[in-house]
Structure formats: structure tokens, C-alpha cells
Amino acid sequence: MVKKIFLHLSLILFLTTGTFAQVRLTASADSSAYLIGDYIHYTIRVISPENYKILTPVVNDTVAGLNIINIENPKVKEKSNNKITIFEYVFSKYDSANVTIPAVTVKYKKQNDTTLYSALSNPVTFTVSILKVNLKKGIKDIKPPIKIPLNWWTIIIWILIILLLIGIGYYFLSKYDSTKVYY
């Protein structure tokens, strides 16, 4: 009796995996550790038969706590009777935490079929952490101040500009002097 139930369950499992194995999804992030404010590149890769129409998944609702920076247009590649559709997203997080983007549902349609099918991706987990700060050391600038070297050509140019301005001022004062009487 137990063997019969096990055989039936195995058969059901085998048949259902065969029908859903036509569309495979993998979700991934480009790293597992980020600093606050880093760009998180999240990718959903869908492998399906050529004649399947893959609809763009709605990821906005599933990424609570992440800020959406950019949503790329889907890229489609064809490879050995399969179509690879790649959805790319760029997120950012401004607080430290362990983040899990839950499984995303991708809907698709088969050719000559009005039924809307769906498949789930895997959840993606990563860590967003703060920059380590040594509190025992004093506060210092992120970058040291820039030191401009003293150049003699720069000094000569400034002296010439000042002399030119003094000369122009003297010319206009002597030409339009109000104390002179013109007859």
C-alpha cells in the first residue's frame, strides 16, 4: 500500500515537473555584500521555448525597503531552440540590513493559447552594511586640501594684469578729470 502511494506521488511529481520545466527562472544579484548607497544590480533570467511570450514581471511591489534607480528594457537572446529573456533592475538601499528579495512571479503565454501561466524565481539575499569607522582616530577630511604650486609665470601674469588695470584707470581719470576746465 505504501509503495503504491509512493509510486503514485512519484508519478505525479514527475509529470508536473515535466510541464513546468519548460520555463526556467533564475534571479541573481551581482554581489552578496554592499555598502549603503551602492547600486544593486538585480537580474531575472528566463529560459523558455522560442514560441512563448514572456511578460515583464512586476518587481516594484516585491522589493520593499529598496529604492528603484533604474529598470532596463528586457533583452532577448536566442540559443538552440530556446529564448533567453533577461530583465535587469538597479536598486539602492540607504540603511544597513540583511535584505531578501522574495521570489518574483513571471507570467508567460504559450503560442495559440490564451491561458496565462506563471513561474517563480528563486529569492535573492544580500547584506547592506555601513562603512567601518574608527572612533578612536580624529576627524579628518575625506580628501586632503589641494596645494597649488607657486609658479613664476602666474605671478608675472597677475602683475601685468594689475599694471594694465592701473594704466587704464589713470587714462580715464586724466581724460575725464572734473577739476579741469575746458573752454
C-alpha atoms as a PDB file:
ATOM      1  CA  MET A   1       0.000   0.000   0.000  1.00  0.00           C
ATOM      2  CA  VAL A   2       2.764   2.453   0.963  1.00  0.00           C
ATOM      3  CA  LYS A   3       4.733   1.539  -2.167  1.00  0.00           C
ATOM      4  CA  LYS A   4       1.645   2.164  -4.291  1.00  0.00           C
ATOM      5  CA  ILE A   5       1.097   5.635  -2.760  1.00  0.00           C
ATOM      6  CA  PHE A   6       4.793   6.418  -3.159  1.00  0.00           C
ATOM      7  CA  LEU A   7       4.642   5.304  -6.801  1.00  0.00           C
ATOM      8  CA  HIS A   8       1.584   7.498  -7.478  1.00  0.00           C
ATOM      9  CA  LEU A   9       3.176  10.513  -5.786  1.00  0.00           C
ATOM     10  CA  SER A  10       6.410   9.996  -7.749  1.00  0.00           C
ATOM     11  CA  LEU A  11       4.441   9.771 -10.985  1.00  0.00           C
ATOM     12  CA  ILE A  12       2.503  12.961 -10.194  1.00  0.00           C
ATOM     13  CA  LEU A  13       5.700  14.772  -9.232  1.00  0.00           C
ATOM     14  CA  PHE A  14       7.432  13.581 -12.411  1.00  0.00           C
ATOM     15  CA  LEU A  15       4.534  14.698 -14.629  1.00  0.00           C
ATOM     16  CA  THR A  16       4.152  18.133 -13.038  1.00  0.00           C
ATOM     17  CA  THR A  17       7.887  18.849 -13.143  1.00  0.00           C
ATOM     18  CA  GLY A  18       7.971  17.977 -16.810  1.00  0.00           C
ATOM     19  CA  THR A  19       5.276  20.524 -17.659  1.00  0.00           C
ATOM     20  CA  PHE A  20       6.762  23.342 -15.606  1.00  0.00           C
ATOM     21  CA  ALA A  21      10.362  22.623 -16.602  1.00  0.00           C
ATOM     22  CA  GLN A  22       9.778  24.304 -19.966  1.00  0.00           C
ATOM     23  CA  VAL A  23      10.251  27.746 -18.391  1.00  0.00           C
ATOM     24  CA  ARG A  24      13.194  28.165 -16.010  1.00  0.00           C
ATOM     25  CA  LEU A  25      13.863  31.273 -13.963  1.00  0.00           C
ATOM     26  CA  THR A  26      16.929  32.365 -12.065  1.00  0.00           C
ATOM     27  CA  ALA A  27      17.235  35.588 -10.151  1.00  0.00           C
ATOM     28  CA  SER A  28      20.583  36.940  -9.002  1.00  0.00           C
ATOM     29  CA  ALA A  29      22.372  39.999  -7.698  1.00  0.00           C
ATOM     30  CA  ASP A  30      25.874  40.964  -8.784  1.00  0.00           C
ATOM     31  CA  SER A  31      27.225  40.647  -5.225  1.00  0.00           C
ATOM     32  CA  SER A  32      26.219  39.404  -1.806  1.00  0.00           C
ATOM     33  CA  ALA A  33      27.617  42.378   0.152  1.00  0.00           C
ATOM     34  CA  TYR A  34      27.030  46.081  -0.472  1.00  0.00           C
ATOM     35  CA  LEU A  35      27.717  49.361   1.289  1.00  0.00           C
ATOM     36  CA  ILE A  36      24.949  51.865   1.974  1.00  0.00           C
ATOM     37  CA  GLY A  37      24.043  53.693  -1.244  1.00  0.00           C
ATOM     38  CA  ASP A  38      25.732  51.202  -3.600  1.00  0.00           C
ATOM     39  CA  TYR A  39      23.929  50.236  -6.790  1.00  0.00           C
ATOM     40  CA  ILE A  40      22.476  46.735  -6.543  1.00  0.00           C
ATOM     41  CA  HIS A  41      22.204  45.126  -9.976  1.00  0.00           C
ATOM     42  CA  TYR A  42      19.383  42.564  -9.847  1.00  0.00           C
ATOM     43  CA  THR A  43      18.783  40.250 -12.817  1.00  0.00           C
ATOM     44  CA  ILE A  44      15.966  37.842 -13.656  1.00  0.00           C
ATOM     45  CA  ARG A  45      16.897  35.382 -16.395  1.00  0.00           C
ATOM     46  CA  VAL A  46      14.078  33.423 -18.083  1.00  0.00           C
ATOM     47  CA  ILE A  47      14.816  30.469 -20.368  1.00  0.00           C
ATOM     48  CA  SER A  48      11.805  29.391 -22.411  1.00  0.00           C
ATOM     49  CA  PRO A  49      10.901  27.872 -25.781  1.00  0.00           C
ATOM     50  CA  GLU A  50      11.004  30.312 -28.725  1.00  0.00           C
ATOM     51  CA  ASN A  51       7.246  30.490 -29.176  1.00  0.00           C
ATOM     52  CA  TYR A  52       6.476  31.552 -25.581  1.00  0.00           C
ATOM     53  CA  LYS A  53       5.675  35.176 -24.861  1.00  0.00           C
ATOM     54  CA  ILE A  54       7.266  36.309 -21.592  1.00  0.00           C
ATOM     55  CA  LEU A  55       5.560  39.222 -19.844  1.00  0.00           C
ATOM     56  CA  THR A  56       7.589  41.749 -17.878  1.00  0.00           C
ATOM     57  CA  PRO A  57       7.424  40.900 -14.167  1.00  0.00           C
ATOM     58  CA  VAL A  58       6.248  43.497 -11.680  1.00  0.00           C
ATOM     59  CA  VAL A  59       9.104  43.835  -9.215  1.00  0.00           C
ATOM     60  CA  ASN A  60       8.127  47.175  -7.646  1.00  0.00           C
ATOM     61  CA  ASP A  61       5.840  45.606  -5.046  1.00  0.00           C
ATOM     62  CA  THR A  62       8.238  42.852  -4.008  1.00  0.00           C
ATOM     63  CA  VAL A  63      11.242  44.994  -3.082  1.00  0.00           C
ATOM     64  CA  ALA A  64      10.017  46.883  -0.049  1.00  0.00           C
ATOM     65  CA  GLY A  65      12.833  48.881   1.507  1.00  0.00           C
ATOM     66  CA  LEU A  66      14.850  49.196  -1.703  1.00  0.00           C
ATOM     67  CA  ASN A  67      14.835  52.312  -3.857  1.00  0.00           C
ATOM     68  CA  ILE A  68      14.397  51.671  -7.563  1.00  0.00           C
ATOM     69  CA  ILE A  69      17.076  53.536  -9.512  1.00  0.00           C
ATOM     70  CA  ASN A  70      16.561  52.107 -12.999  1.00  0.00           C
ATOM     71  CA  ILE A  71      14.544  49.462 -14.840  1.00  0.00           C
ATOM     72  CA  GLU A  72      16.191  48.322 -18.075  1.00  0.00           C
ATOM     73  CA  ASN A  73      14.307  47.175 -21.155  1.00  0.00           C
ATOM     74  CA  PRO A  74      14.222  43.368 -21.446  1.00  0.00           C
ATOM     75  CA  LYS A  75      16.951  41.784 -23.544  1.00  0.00           C
ATOM     76  CA  VAL A  76      16.114  38.740 -25.641  1.00  0.00           C
ATOM     77  CA  LYS A  77      18.663  36.229 -26.953  1.00  0.00           C
ATOM     78  CA  GLU A  78      18.040  33.059 -28.906  1.00  0.00           C
ATOM     79  CA  LYS A  79      20.061  29.933 -28.243  1.00  0.00           C
ATOM     80  CA  SER A  80      19.401  26.411 -29.559  1.00  0.00           C
ATOM     81  CA  ASN A  81      15.576  26.462 -29.863  1.00  0.00           C
ATOM     82  CA  ASN A  82      15.321  28.400 -26.615  1.00  0.00           C
ATOM     83  CA  LYS A  83      14.731  32.057 -25.923  1.00  0.00           C
ATOM     84  CA  ILE A  84      16.604  33.740 -23.080  1.00  0.00           C
ATOM     85  CA  THR A  85      14.896  36.861 -21.739  1.00  0.00           C
ATOM     86  CA  ILE A  86      16.877  38.977 -19.299  1.00  0.00           C
ATOM     87  CA  PHE A  87      15.235  41.564 -17.043  1.00  0.00           C
ATOM     88  CA  GLU A  88      17.658  43.925 -15.270  1.00  0.00           C
ATOM     89  CA  TYR A  89      16.924  46.242 -12.377  1.00  0.00           C
ATOM     90  CA  VAL A  90      19.104  48.650 -10.399  1.00  0.00           C
ATOM     91  CA  PHE A  91      18.231  49.223  -6.746  1.00  0.00           C
ATOM     92  CA  SER A  92      19.842  51.046  -3.870  1.00  0.00           C
ATOM     93  CA  LYS A  93      19.402  50.901  -0.104  1.00  0.00           C
ATOM     94  CA  TYR A  94      20.261  53.684   2.328  1.00  0.00           C
ATOM     95  CA  ASP A  95      20.138  51.706   5.560  1.00  0.00           C
ATOM     96  CA  SER A  96      22.122  48.724   6.755  1.00  0.00           C
ATOM     97  CA  ALA A  97      20.245  45.421   6.813  1.00  0.00           C
ATOM     98  CA  ASN A  98      20.075  41.875   5.539  1.00  0.00           C
ATOM     99  CA  VAL A  99      17.791  42.090   2.518  1.00  0.00           C
ATOM    100  CA  THR A 100      15.876  39.305   0.831  1.00  0.00           C
ATOM    101  CA  ILE A 101      14.130  39.954  -2.451  1.00  0.00           C
ATOM    102  CA  PRO A 102      11.380  37.333  -2.420  1.00  0.00           C
ATOM    103  CA  ALA A 103      10.591  35.057  -5.327  1.00  0.00           C
ATOM    104  CA  VAL A 104       9.272  37.040  -8.291  1.00  0.00           C
ATOM    105  CA  THR A 105       6.379  35.754 -10.379  1.00  0.00           C
ATOM    106  CA  VAL A 106       6.922  35.866 -14.128  1.00  0.00           C
ATOM    107  CA  LYS A 107       3.860  35.336 -16.301  1.00  0.00           C
ATOM    108  CA  TYR A 108       4.011  33.884 -19.799  1.00  0.00           C
ATOM    109  CA  LYS A 109       1.767  32.694 -22.609  1.00  0.00           C
ATOM    110  CA  LYS A 110       2.200  29.751 -24.927  1.00  0.00           C
ATOM    111  CA  GLN A 111       1.629  30.182 -28.649  1.00  0.00           C
ATOM    112  CA  ASN A 112      -2.029  29.662 -29.692  1.00  0.00           C
ATOM    113  CA  ASP A 113      -3.089  29.502 -26.045  1.00  0.00           C
ATOM    114  CA  THR A 114      -4.983  32.180 -24.115  1.00  0.00           C
ATOM    115  CA  THR A 115      -4.118  30.767 -20.703  1.00  0.00           C
ATOM    116  CA  LEU A 116      -1.744  32.878 -18.645  1.00  0.00           C
ATOM    117  CA  TYR A 117       0.881  30.705 -16.957  1.00  0.00           C
ATOM    118  CA  SER A 118       3.290  31.739 -14.242  1.00  0.00           C
ATOM    119  CA  ALA A 119       6.611  30.637 -12.822  1.00  0.00           C
ATOM    120  CA  LEU A 120       8.517  31.681  -9.708  1.00  0.00           C
ATOM    121  CA  SER A 121      12.138  32.721  -9.437  1.00  0.00           C
ATOM    122  CA  ASN A 122      14.388  32.000  -6.525  1.00  0.00           C
ATOM    123  CA  PRO A 123      14.666  34.518  -3.651  1.00  0.00           C
ATOM    124  CA  VAL A 124      17.875  36.567  -3.527  1.00  0.00           C
ATOM    125  CA  THR A 125      19.560  37.526  -0.256  1.00  0.00           C
ATOM    126  CA  PHE A 126      22.343  40.045   0.297  1.00  0.00           C
ATOM    127  CA  THR A 127      23.716  42.304   3.024  1.00  0.00           C
ATOM    128  CA  VAL A 128      23.878  46.096   3.043  1.00  0.00           C
ATOM    129  CA  SER A 129      26.318  47.394   5.632  1.00  0.00           C
ATOM    130  CA  ILE A 130      27.758  50.683   6.784  1.00  0.00           C
ATOM    131  CA  LEU A 131      31.325  51.824   6.283  1.00  0.00           C
ATOM    132  CA  LYS A 132      33.534  50.895   9.228  1.00  0.00           C
ATOM    133  CA  VAL A 133      34.622  53.989  11.185  1.00  0.00           C
ATOM    134  CA  ASN A 134      37.412  54.083  13.747  1.00  0.00           C
ATOM    135  CA  LEU A 135      36.072  56.325  16.519  1.00  0.00           C
ATOM    136  CA  LYS A 136      39.421  56.467  18.316  1.00  0.00           C
ATOM    137  CA  LYS A 137      41.057  58.393  15.496  1.00  0.00           C
ATOM    138  CA  GLY A 138      40.344  62.074  14.973  1.00  0.00           C
ATOM    139  CA  ILE A 139      38.086  63.513  12.330  1.00  0.00           C
ATOM    140  CA  LYS A 140      39.860  64.162   9.065  1.00  0.00           C
ATOM    141  CA  ASP A 141      38.881  65.245   5.586  1.00  0.00           C
ATOM    142  CA  ILE A 142      37.864  62.706   3.014  1.00  0.00           C
ATOM    143  CA  LYS A 143      40.456  64.206   0.698  1.00  0.00           C
ATOM    144  CA  PRO A 144      43.298  66.481   1.756  1.00  0.00           C
ATOM    145  CA  PRO A 145      43.183  70.100   0.510  1.00  0.00           C
ATOM    146  CA  ILE A 146      44.758  70.664  -2.890  1.00  0.00           C
ATOM    147  CA  LYS A 147      48.000  72.626  -2.787  1.00  0.00           C
ATOM    148  CA  ILE A 148      48.561  74.820  -5.823  1.00  0.00           C
ATOM    149  CA  PRO A 149      52.275  75.195  -6.510  1.00  0.00           C
ATOM    150  CA  LEU A 150      53.686  78.722  -6.797  1.00  0.00           C
ATOM    151  CA  ASN A 151      54.510  79.361 -10.437  1.00  0.00           C
ATOM    152  CA  TRP A 152      56.520  82.444 -11.508  1.00  0.00           C
ATOM    153  CA  TRP A 153      54.655  82.740 -14.807  1.00  0.00           C
ATOM    154  CA  THR A 154      51.369  83.010 -12.929  1.00  0.00           C
ATOM    155  CA  ILE A 155      52.789  85.754 -10.678  1.00  0.00           C
ATOM    156  CA  ILE A 156      54.119  87.732 -13.685  1.00  0.00           C
ATOM    157  CA  ILE A 157      50.743  87.468 -15.470  1.00  0.00           C
ATOM    158  CA  TRP A 158      48.907  88.763 -12.363  1.00  0.00           C
ATOM    159  CA  ILE A 159      51.355  91.679 -12.002  1.00  0.00           C
ATOM    160  CA  LEU A 160      50.866  92.609 -15.685  1.00  0.00           C
ATOM    161  CA  ILE A 161      47.070  92.462 -15.325  1.00  0.00           C
ATOM    162  CA  ILE A 162      47.210  94.736 -12.251  1.00  0.00           C
ATOM    163  CA  LEU A 163      49.537  97.222 -14.047  1.00  0.00           C
ATOM    164  CA  LEU A 164      47.232  97.229 -17.079  1.00  0.00           C
ATOM    165  CA  LEU A 165      44.193  97.980 -14.902  1.00  0.00           C
ATOM    166  CA  ILE A 166      46.069 100.808 -13.134  1.00  0.00           C
ATOM    167  CA  GLY A 167      47.086 102.259 -16.529  1.00  0.00           C
ATOM    168  CA  ILE A 168      43.505 102.124 -17.860  1.00  0.00           C
ATOM    169  CA  GLY A 169      42.235 103.761 -14.656  1.00  0.00           C
ATOM    170  CA  TYR A 170      44.839 106.546 -14.868  1.00  0.00           C
ATOM    171  CA  TYR A 171      43.964 107.207 -18.528  1.00  0.00           C
ATOM    172  CA  PHE A 172      40.244 107.619 -17.830  1.00  0.00           C
ATOM    173  CA  LEU A 173      40.840 109.737 -14.704  1.00  0.00           C
ATOM    174  CA  SER A 174      43.167 112.120 -16.538  1.00  0.00           C
ATOM    175  CA  LYS A 175      40.893 112.396 -19.593  1.00  0.00           C
ATOM    176  CA  TYR A 176      37.657 112.933 -17.706  1.00  0.00           C
ATOM    177  CA  ASP A 177      39.021 114.819 -14.701  1.00  0.00           C
ATOM    178  CA  SER A 178      36.237 117.041 -13.339  1.00  0.00           C
ATOM    179  CA  THR A 179      38.631 119.677 -11.969  1.00  0.00           C
ATOM    180  CA  LYS A 180      39.871 120.682 -15.440  1.00  0.00           C
ATOM    181  CA  VAL A 181      38.015 123.496 -17.163  1.00  0.00           C
ATOM    182  CA  TYR A 182      37.542 123.126 -20.893  1.00  0.00           C
ATOM    183  CA  TYR A 183      36.972 126.361 -22.996  1.00  0.00           C
END
